[in-house]
Amino acid sequence: MKVARADRRTAVFAVDEVKTYTKDDFPDDKVYGTTGRPELRLMTCGGKFNKKSGYSANVVVFAHLTSWKKQTA
């Protein structure tokens, strides 16, 4: 995955894993904790939907920075 930055560089990330976690089993430390390297977390709703309580889970994409590219005009 690529992320275009305001400084005209593109950060290139490799996806390491995609996991679905129930709300009761969400790993806060794994998702929000420090890693020692540039990483990216993308989160969205997942699981079954209930009108009263919303979605039952979250889908999390884990990725790490692999390179930088200079954007061309």
PDB file of N, CA and C in Angstrom:
ATOM      1  N   MET A   1       0.848  -1.154   0.000  1.00  0.00           N
ATOM      2  CA  MET A   1       0.000   0.000   0.000  1.00  0.00           C
ATOM      3  C   MET A   1       0.898   1.222   0.000  1.00  0.00           C
ATOM      4  N   LYS A   2       0.431   2.291  -0.628  1.00  0.00           N
ATOM      5  CA  LYS A   2       1.213   3.516  -0.761  1.00  0.00           C
ATOM      6  C   LYS A   2       0.451   4.677  -0.144  1.00  0.00           C
ATOM      7  N   VAL A   3       1.209   5.566   0.517  1.00  0.00           N
ATOM      8  CA  VAL A   3       0.618   6.752   1.139  1.00  0.00           C
ATOM      9  C   VAL A   3       1.349   7.975   0.601  1.00  0.00           C
ATOM     10  N   ALA A   4       0.643   8.836  -0.130  1.00  0.00           N
ATOM     11  CA  ALA A   4       1.228  10.070  -0.658  1.00  0.00           C
ATOM     12  C   ALA A   4       1.281  11.092   0.472  1.00  0.00           C
ATOM     13  N   ARG A   5       2.444  11.747   0.607  1.00  0.00           N
ATOM     14  CA  ARG A   5       2.644  12.719   1.671  1.00  0.00           C
ATOM     15  C   ARG A   5       2.716  14.133   1.115  1.00  0.00           C
ATOM     16  N   ALA A   6       2.506  15.112   1.978  1.00  0.00           N
ATOM     17  CA  ALA A   6       2.543  16.518   1.572  1.00  0.00           C
ATOM     18  C   ALA A   6       3.941  16.945   1.124  1.00  0.00           C
ATOM     19  N   ASP A   7       4.983  16.240   1.578  1.00  0.00           N
ATOM     20  CA  ASP A   7       6.352  16.600   1.191  1.00  0.00           C
ATOM     21  C   ASP A   7       6.758  15.997  -0.162  1.00  0.00           C
ATOM     22  N   ARG A   8       5.771  15.508  -0.911  1.00  0.00           N
ATOM     23  CA  ARG A   8       5.942  14.946  -2.247  1.00  0.00           C
ATOM     24  C   ARG A   8       6.724  13.623  -2.251  1.00  0.00           C
ATOM     25  N   ARG A   9       6.743  12.953  -1.127  1.00  0.00           N
ATOM     26  CA  ARG A   9       7.288  11.596  -1.074  1.00  0.00           C
ATOM     27  C   ARG A   9       6.124  10.637  -0.876  1.00  0.00           C
ATOM     28  N   THR A  10       6.338   9.402  -1.280  1.00  0.00           N
ATOM     29  CA  THR A  10       5.343   8.354  -1.091  1.00  0.00           C
ATOM     30  C   THR A  10       5.936   7.309  -0.162  1.00  0.00           C
ATOM     31  N   ALA A  11       5.230   7.024   0.923  1.00  0.00           N
ATOM     32  CA  ALA A  11       5.632   5.973   1.841  1.00  0.00           C
ATOM     33  C   ALA A  11       5.021   4.662   1.346  1.00  0.00           C
ATOM     34  N   VAL A  12       5.850   3.646   1.207  1.00  0.00           N
ATOM     35  CA  VAL A  12       5.396   2.346   0.706  1.00  0.00           C
ATOM     36  C   VAL A  12       5.373   1.361   1.878  1.00  0.00           C
ATOM     37  N   PHE A  13       4.220   0.750   2.094  1.00  0.00           N
ATOM     38  CA  PHE A  13       4.031  -0.185   3.197  1.00  0.00           C
ATOM     39  C   PHE A  13       3.715  -1.577   2.655  1.00  0.00           C
ATOM     40  N   ALA A  14       4.206  -2.600   3.353  1.00  0.00           N
ATOM     41  CA  ALA A  14       3.865  -3.990   3.052  1.00  0.00           C
ATOM     42  C   ALA A  14       2.891  -4.477   4.115  1.00  0.00           C
ATOM     43  N   VAL A  15       1.829  -5.120   3.701  1.00  0.00           N
ATOM     44  CA  VAL A  15       0.833  -5.650   4.635  1.00  0.00           C
ATOM     45  C   VAL A  15       1.366  -6.942   5.246  1.00  0.00           C
ATOM     46  N   ASP A  16       1.379  -6.982   6.574  1.00  0.00           N
ATOM     47  CA  ASP A  16       1.857  -8.159   7.303  1.00  0.00           C
ATOM     48  C   ASP A  16       0.723  -9.131   7.631  1.00  0.00           C
ATOM     49  N   GLU A  17      -0.422  -8.586   8.020  1.00  0.00           N
ATOM     50  CA  GLU A  17      -1.562  -9.451   8.318  1.00  0.00           C
ATOM     51  C   GLU A  17      -2.842  -8.632   8.386  1.00  0.00           C
ATOM     52  N   VAL A  18      -3.946  -9.325   8.207  1.00  0.00           N
ATOM     53  CA  VAL A  18      -5.281  -8.740   8.357  1.00  0.00           C
ATOM     54  C   VAL A  18      -6.020  -9.639   9.337  1.00  0.00           C
ATOM     55  N   LYS A  19      -6.471  -9.044  10.447  1.00  0.00           N
ATOM     56  CA  LYS A  19      -7.113  -9.843  11.494  1.00  0.00           C
ATOM     57  C   LYS A  19      -8.454  -9.234  11.872  1.00  0.00           C
ATOM     58  N   THR A  20      -9.387 -10.094  12.262  1.00  0.00           N
ATOM     59  CA  THR A  20     -10.676  -9.664  12.786  1.00  0.00           C
ATOM     60  C   THR A  20     -10.703  -9.995  14.270  1.00  0.00           C
ATOM     61  N   TYR A  21     -11.050  -8.982  15.081  1.00  0.00           N
ATOM     62  CA  TYR A  21     -11.103  -9.147  16.533  1.00  0.00           C
ATOM     63  C   TYR A  21     -12.493  -8.786  17.036  1.00  0.00           C
ATOM     64  N   THR A  22     -13.057  -9.645  17.886  1.00  0.00           N
ATOM     65  CA  THR A  22     -14.312  -9.282  18.524  1.00  0.00           C
ATOM     66  C   THR A  22     -14.043  -8.128  19.483  1.00  0.00           C
ATOM     67  N   LYS A  23     -15.072  -7.368  19.793  1.00  0.00           N
ATOM     68  CA  LYS A  23     -14.892  -6.203  20.674  1.00  0.00           C
ATOM     69  C   LYS A  23     -14.364  -6.622  22.039  1.00  0.00           C
ATOM     70  N   ASP A  24     -14.741  -7.791  22.526  1.00  0.00           N
ATOM     71  CA  ASP A  24     -14.276  -8.268  23.835  1.00  0.00           C
ATOM     72  C   ASP A  24     -12.840  -8.773  23.800  1.00  0.00           C
ATOM     73  N   ASP A  25     -12.307  -9.033  22.612  1.00  0.00           N
ATOM     74  CA  ASP A  25     -10.981  -9.644  22.474  1.00  0.00           C
ATOM     75  C   ASP A  25     -10.011  -8.726  21.720  1.00  0.00           C
ATOM     76  N   PHE A  26     -10.288  -7.423  21.699  1.00  0.00           N
ATOM     77  CA  PHE A  26      -9.470  -6.475  20.935  1.00  0.00           C
ATOM     78  C   PHE A  26      -8.114  -6.287  21.622  1.00  0.00           C
ATOM     79  N   PRO A  27      -6.990  -6.495  20.885  1.00  0.00           N
ATOM     80  CA  PRO A  27      -5.654  -6.397  21.487  1.00  0.00           C
ATOM     81  C   PRO A  27      -5.110  -4.954  21.460  1.00  0.00           C
ATOM     82  N   ASP A  28      -5.482  -4.151  22.441  1.00  0.00           N
ATOM     83  CA  ASP A  28      -5.068  -2.748  22.478  1.00  0.00           C
ATOM     84  C   ASP A  28      -3.560  -2.574  22.294  1.00  0.00           C
ATOM     85  N   ASP A  29      -2.757  -3.354  23.020  1.00  0.00           N
ATOM     86  CA  ASP A  29      -1.305  -3.203  22.942  1.00  0.00           C
ATOM     87  C   ASP A  29      -0.768  -3.502  21.545  1.00  0.00           C
ATOM     88  N   LYS A  30      -1.295  -4.542  20.908  1.00  0.00           N
ATOM     89  CA  LYS A  30      -0.824  -4.905  19.571  1.00  0.00           C
ATOM     90  C   LYS A  30      -1.205  -3.842  18.540  1.00  0.00           C
ATOM     91  N   VAL A  31      -2.370  -3.257  18.684  1.00  0.00           N
ATOM     92  CA  VAL A  31      -2.853  -2.277  17.713  1.00  0.00           C
ATOM     93  C   VAL A  31      -2.282  -0.889  17.976  1.00  0.00           C
ATOM     94  N   TYR A  32      -2.244  -0.465  19.234  1.00  0.00           N
ATOM     95  CA  TYR A  32      -1.848   0.907  19.573  1.00  0.00           C
ATOM     96  C   TYR A  32      -0.448   1.033  20.176  1.00  0.00           C
ATOM     97  N   GLY A  33       0.191  -0.084  20.510  1.00  0.00           N
ATOM     98  CA  GLY A  33       1.492  -0.035  21.172  1.00  0.00           C
ATOM     99  C   GLY A  33       2.631   0.349  20.236  1.00  0.00           C
ATOM    100  N   THR A  34       3.768   0.690  20.828  1.00  0.00           N
ATOM    101  CA  THR A  34       4.953   1.034  20.038  1.00  0.00           C
ATOM    102  C   THR A  34       5.573  -0.229  19.445  1.00  0.00           C
ATOM    103  N   THR A  35       6.246  -0.057  18.314  1.00  0.00           N
ATOM    104  CA  THR A  35       6.776  -1.220  17.600  1.00  0.00           C
ATOM    105  C   THR A  35       8.275  -1.155  17.337  1.00  0.00           C
ATOM    106  N   GLY A  36       8.867   0.024  17.426  1.00  0.00           N
ATOM    107  CA  GLY A  36      10.287   0.146  17.141  1.00  0.00           C
ATOM    108  C   GLY A  36      10.597   0.372  15.674  1.00  0.00           C
ATOM    109  N   ARG A  37       9.575   0.450  14.834  1.00  0.00           N
ATOM    110  CA  ARG A  37       9.757   0.741  13.409  1.00  0.00           C
ATOM    111  C   ARG A  37       8.497   1.438  12.894  1.00  0.00           C
ATOM    112  N   PRO A  38       8.576   2.117  11.760  1.00  0.00           N
ATOM    113  CA  PRO A  38       7.376   2.762  11.210  1.00  0.00           C
ATOM    114  C   PRO A  38       6.352   1.708  10.764  1.00  0.00           C
ATOM    115  N   GLU A  39       5.173   1.801  11.318  1.00  0.00           N
ATOM    116  CA  GLU A  39       4.112   0.873  10.958  1.00  0.00           C
ATOM    117  C   GLU A  39       2.799   1.624  10.778  1.00  0.00           C
ATOM    118  N   LEU A  40       1.863   0.945  10.175  1.00  0.00           N
ATOM    119  CA  LEU A  40       0.563   1.524   9.876  1.00  0.00           C
ATOM    120  C   LEU A  40      -0.509   0.554  10.324  1.00  0.00           C
ATOM    121  N   ARG A  41      -1.585   1.080  10.895  1.00  0.00           N
ATOM    122  CA  ARG A  41      -2.742   0.276  11.272  1.00  0.00           C
ATOM    123  C   ARG A  41      -3.970   0.889  10.616  1.00  0.00           C
ATOM    124  N   LEU A  42      -4.711   0.100   9.907  1.00  0.00           N
ATOM    125  CA  LEU A  42      -5.981   0.521   9.321  1.00  0.00           C
ATOM    126  C   LEU A  42      -7.077  -0.301   9.991  1.00  0.00           C
ATOM    127  N   MET A  43      -8.109   0.383  10.463  1.00  0.00           N
ATOM    128  CA  MET A  43      -9.180  -0.316  11.170  1.00  0.00           C
ATOM    129  C   MET A  43     -10.535   0.041  10.581  1.00  0.00           C
ATOM    130  N   THR A  44     -11.410  -0.952  10.589  1.00  0.00           N
ATOM    131  CA  THR A  44     -12.789  -0.735  10.169  1.00  0.00           C
ATOM    132  C   THR A  44     -13.688  -1.687  10.948  1.00  0.00           C
ATOM    133  N   CYS A  45     -14.966  -1.508  10.790  1.00  0.00           N
ATOM    134  CA  CYS A  45     -15.939  -2.362  11.468  1.00  0.00           C
ATOM    135  C   CYS A  45     -16.004  -3.728  10.783  1.00  0.00           C
ATOM    136  N   GLY A  46     -16.348  -4.745  11.551  1.00  0.00           N
ATOM    137  CA  GLY A  46     -16.471  -6.082  10.983  1.00  0.00           C
ATOM    138  C   GLY A  46     -17.402  -6.932  11.828  1.00  0.00           C
ATOM    139  N   GLY A  47     -17.561  -8.165  11.424  1.00  0.00           N
ATOM    140  CA  GLY A  47     -18.435  -9.074  12.147  1.00  0.00           C
ATOM    141  C   GLY A  47     -19.895  -8.820  11.827  1.00  0.00           C
ATOM    142  N   LYS A  48     -20.742  -9.336  12.672  1.00  0.00           N
ATOM    143  CA  LYS A  48     -22.189  -9.185  12.480  1.00  0.00           C
ATOM    144  C   LYS A  48     -22.644  -7.806  12.939  1.00  0.00           C
ATOM    145  N   PHE A  49     -23.693  -7.299  12.292  1.00  0.00           N
ATOM    146  CA  PHE A  49     -24.242  -5.996  12.651  1.00  0.00           C
ATOM    147  C   PHE A  49     -25.537  -6.167  13.416  1.00  0.00           C
ATOM    148  N   ASN A  50     -25.661  -5.424  14.524  1.00  0.00           N
ATOM    149  CA  ASN A  50     -26.865  -5.409  15.341  1.00  0.00           C
ATOM    150  C   ASN A  50     -27.311  -3.954  15.451  1.00  0.00           C
ATOM    151  N   LYS A  51     -28.566  -3.681  15.179  1.00  0.00           N
ATOM    152  CA  LYS A  51     -29.063  -2.295  15.201  1.00  0.00           C
ATOM    153  C   LYS A  51     -28.851  -1.610  16.545  1.00  0.00           C
ATOM    154  N   LYS A  52     -28.902  -2.365  17.627  1.00  0.00           N
ATOM    155  CA  LYS A  52     -28.761  -1.772  18.956  1.00  0.00           C
ATOM    156  C   LYS A  52     -27.299  -1.591  19.380  1.00  0.00           C
ATOM    157  N   SER A  53     -26.453  -2.537  19.043  1.00  0.00           N
ATOM    158  CA  SER A  53     -25.072  -2.494  19.546  1.00  0.00           C
ATOM    159  C   SER A  53     -24.015  -2.258  18.471  1.00  0.00           C
ATOM    160  N   GLY A  54     -24.421  -2.181  17.208  1.00  0.00           N
ATOM    161  CA  GLY A  54     -23.451  -1.956  16.125  1.00  0.00           C
ATOM    162  C   GLY A  54     -22.761  -3.239  15.699  1.00  0.00           C
ATOM    163  N   TYR A  55     -21.571  -3.098  15.149  1.00  0.00           N
ATOM    164  CA  TYR A  55     -20.815  -4.263  14.672  1.00  0.00           C
ATOM    165  C   TYR A  55     -20.196  -5.011  15.843  1.00  0.00           C
ATOM    166  N   SER A  56     -20.048  -6.306  15.688  1.00  0.00           N
ATOM    167  CA  SER A  56     -19.530  -7.149  16.767  1.00  0.00           C
ATOM    168  C   SER A  56     -18.008  -7.235  16.788  1.00  0.00           C
ATOM    169  N   ALA A  57     -17.338  -6.727  15.755  1.00  0.00           N
ATOM    170  CA  ALA A  57     -15.891  -6.896  15.674  1.00  0.00           C
ATOM    171  C   ALA A  57     -15.247  -5.725  14.931  1.00  0.00           C
ATOM    172  N   ASN A  58     -13.924  -5.741  14.925  1.00  0.00           N
ATOM    173  CA  ASN A  58     -13.128  -4.799  14.152  1.00  0.00           C
ATOM    174  C   ASN A  58     -12.162  -5.573  13.274  1.00  0.00           C
ATOM    175  N   VAL A  59     -11.960  -5.086  12.062  1.00  0.00           N
ATOM    176  CA  VAL A  59     -10.963  -5.649  11.155  1.00  0.00           C
ATOM    177  C   VAL A  59      -9.763  -4.713  11.194  1.00  0.00           C
ATOM    178  N   VAL A  60      -8.562  -5.282  11.408  1.00  0.00           N
ATOM    179  CA  VAL A  60      -7.348  -4.483  11.511  1.00  0.00           C
ATOM    180  C   VAL A  60      -6.337  -4.983  10.478  1.00  0.00           C
ATOM    181  N   VAL A  61      -5.786  -4.030   9.703  1.00  0.00           N
ATOM    182  CA  VAL A  61      -4.712  -4.330   8.760  1.00  0.00           C
ATOM    183  C   VAL A  61      -3.410  -3.846   9.395  1.00  0.00           C
ATOM    184  N   PHE A  62      -2.427  -4.730   9.515  1.00  0.00           N
ATOM    185  CA  PHE A  62      -1.117  -4.405  10.061  1.00  0.00           C
ATOM    186  C   PHE A  62      -0.123  -4.316   8.900  1.00  0.00           C
ATOM    187  N   ALA A  63       0.623  -3.206   8.832  1.00  0.00           N
ATOM    188  CA  ALA A  63       1.594  -3.035   7.748  1.00  0.00           C
ATOM    189  C   ALA A  63       2.837  -2.330   8.278  1.00  0.00           C
ATOM    190  N   HIS A  64       3.969  -2.530   7.584  1.00  0.00           N
ATOM    191  CA  HIS A  64       5.205  -1.846   7.974  1.00  0.00           C
ATOM    192  C   HIS A  64       5.819  -1.138   6.769  1.00  0.00           C
ATOM    193  N   LEU A  65       6.554  -0.066   7.054  1.00  0.00           N
ATOM    194  CA  LEU A  65       7.189   0.735   6.015  1.00  0.00           C
ATOM    195  C   LEU A  65       8.320  -0.052   5.364  1.00  0.00           C
ATOM    196  N   THR A  66       8.309  -0.084   4.023  1.00  0.00           N
ATOM    197  CA  THR A  66       9.373  -0.788   3.306  1.00  0.00           C
ATOM    198  C   THR A  66      10.284   0.143   2.527  1.00  0.00           C
ATOM    199  N   SER A  67       9.750   1.291   2.059  1.00  0.00           N
ATOM    200  CA  SER A  67      10.587   2.218   1.284  1.00  0.00           C
ATOM    201  C   SER A  67       9.894   3.564   1.117  1.00  0.00           C
ATOM    202  N   TRP A  68      10.673   4.500   0.593  1.00  0.00           N
ATOM    203  CA  TRP A  68      10.188   5.843   0.244  1.00  0.00           C
ATOM    204  C   TRP A  68      10.398   6.040  -1.248  1.00  0.00           C
ATOM    205  N   LYS A  69       9.478   6.705  -1.885  1.00  0.00           N
ATOM    206  CA  LYS A  69       9.636   7.047  -3.300  1.00  0.00           C
ATOM    207  C   LYS A  69       9.353   8.538  -3.464  1.00  0.00           C
ATOM    208  N   LYS A  70      10.093   9.171  -4.328  1.00  0.00           N
ATOM    209  CA  LYS A  70       9.851  10.574  -4.640  1.00  0.00           C
ATOM    210  C   LYS A  70       8.764  10.650  -5.695  1.00  0.00           C
ATOM    211  N   GLN A  71       7.762  11.498  -5.450  1.00  0.00           N
ATOM    212  CA  GLN A  71       6.666  11.635  -6.412  1.00  0.00           C
ATOM    213  C   GLN A  71       7.164  12.437  -7.629  1.00  0.00           C
ATOM    214  N   THR A  72       6.719  12.001  -8.776  1.00  0.00           N
ATOM    215  CA  THR A  72       7.048  12.741  -9.992  1.00  0.00           C
ATOM    216  C   THR A  72       5.871  13.610 -10.385  1.00  0.00           C
ATOM    217  N   ALA A  73       6.177  14.709 -11.021  1.00  0.00           N
ATOM    218  CA  ALA A  73       5.115  15.677 -11.397  1.00  0.00           C
ATOM    219  C   ALA A  73       4.203  15.142 -12.467  1.00  0.00           C
TER     220      ALA A  73
END
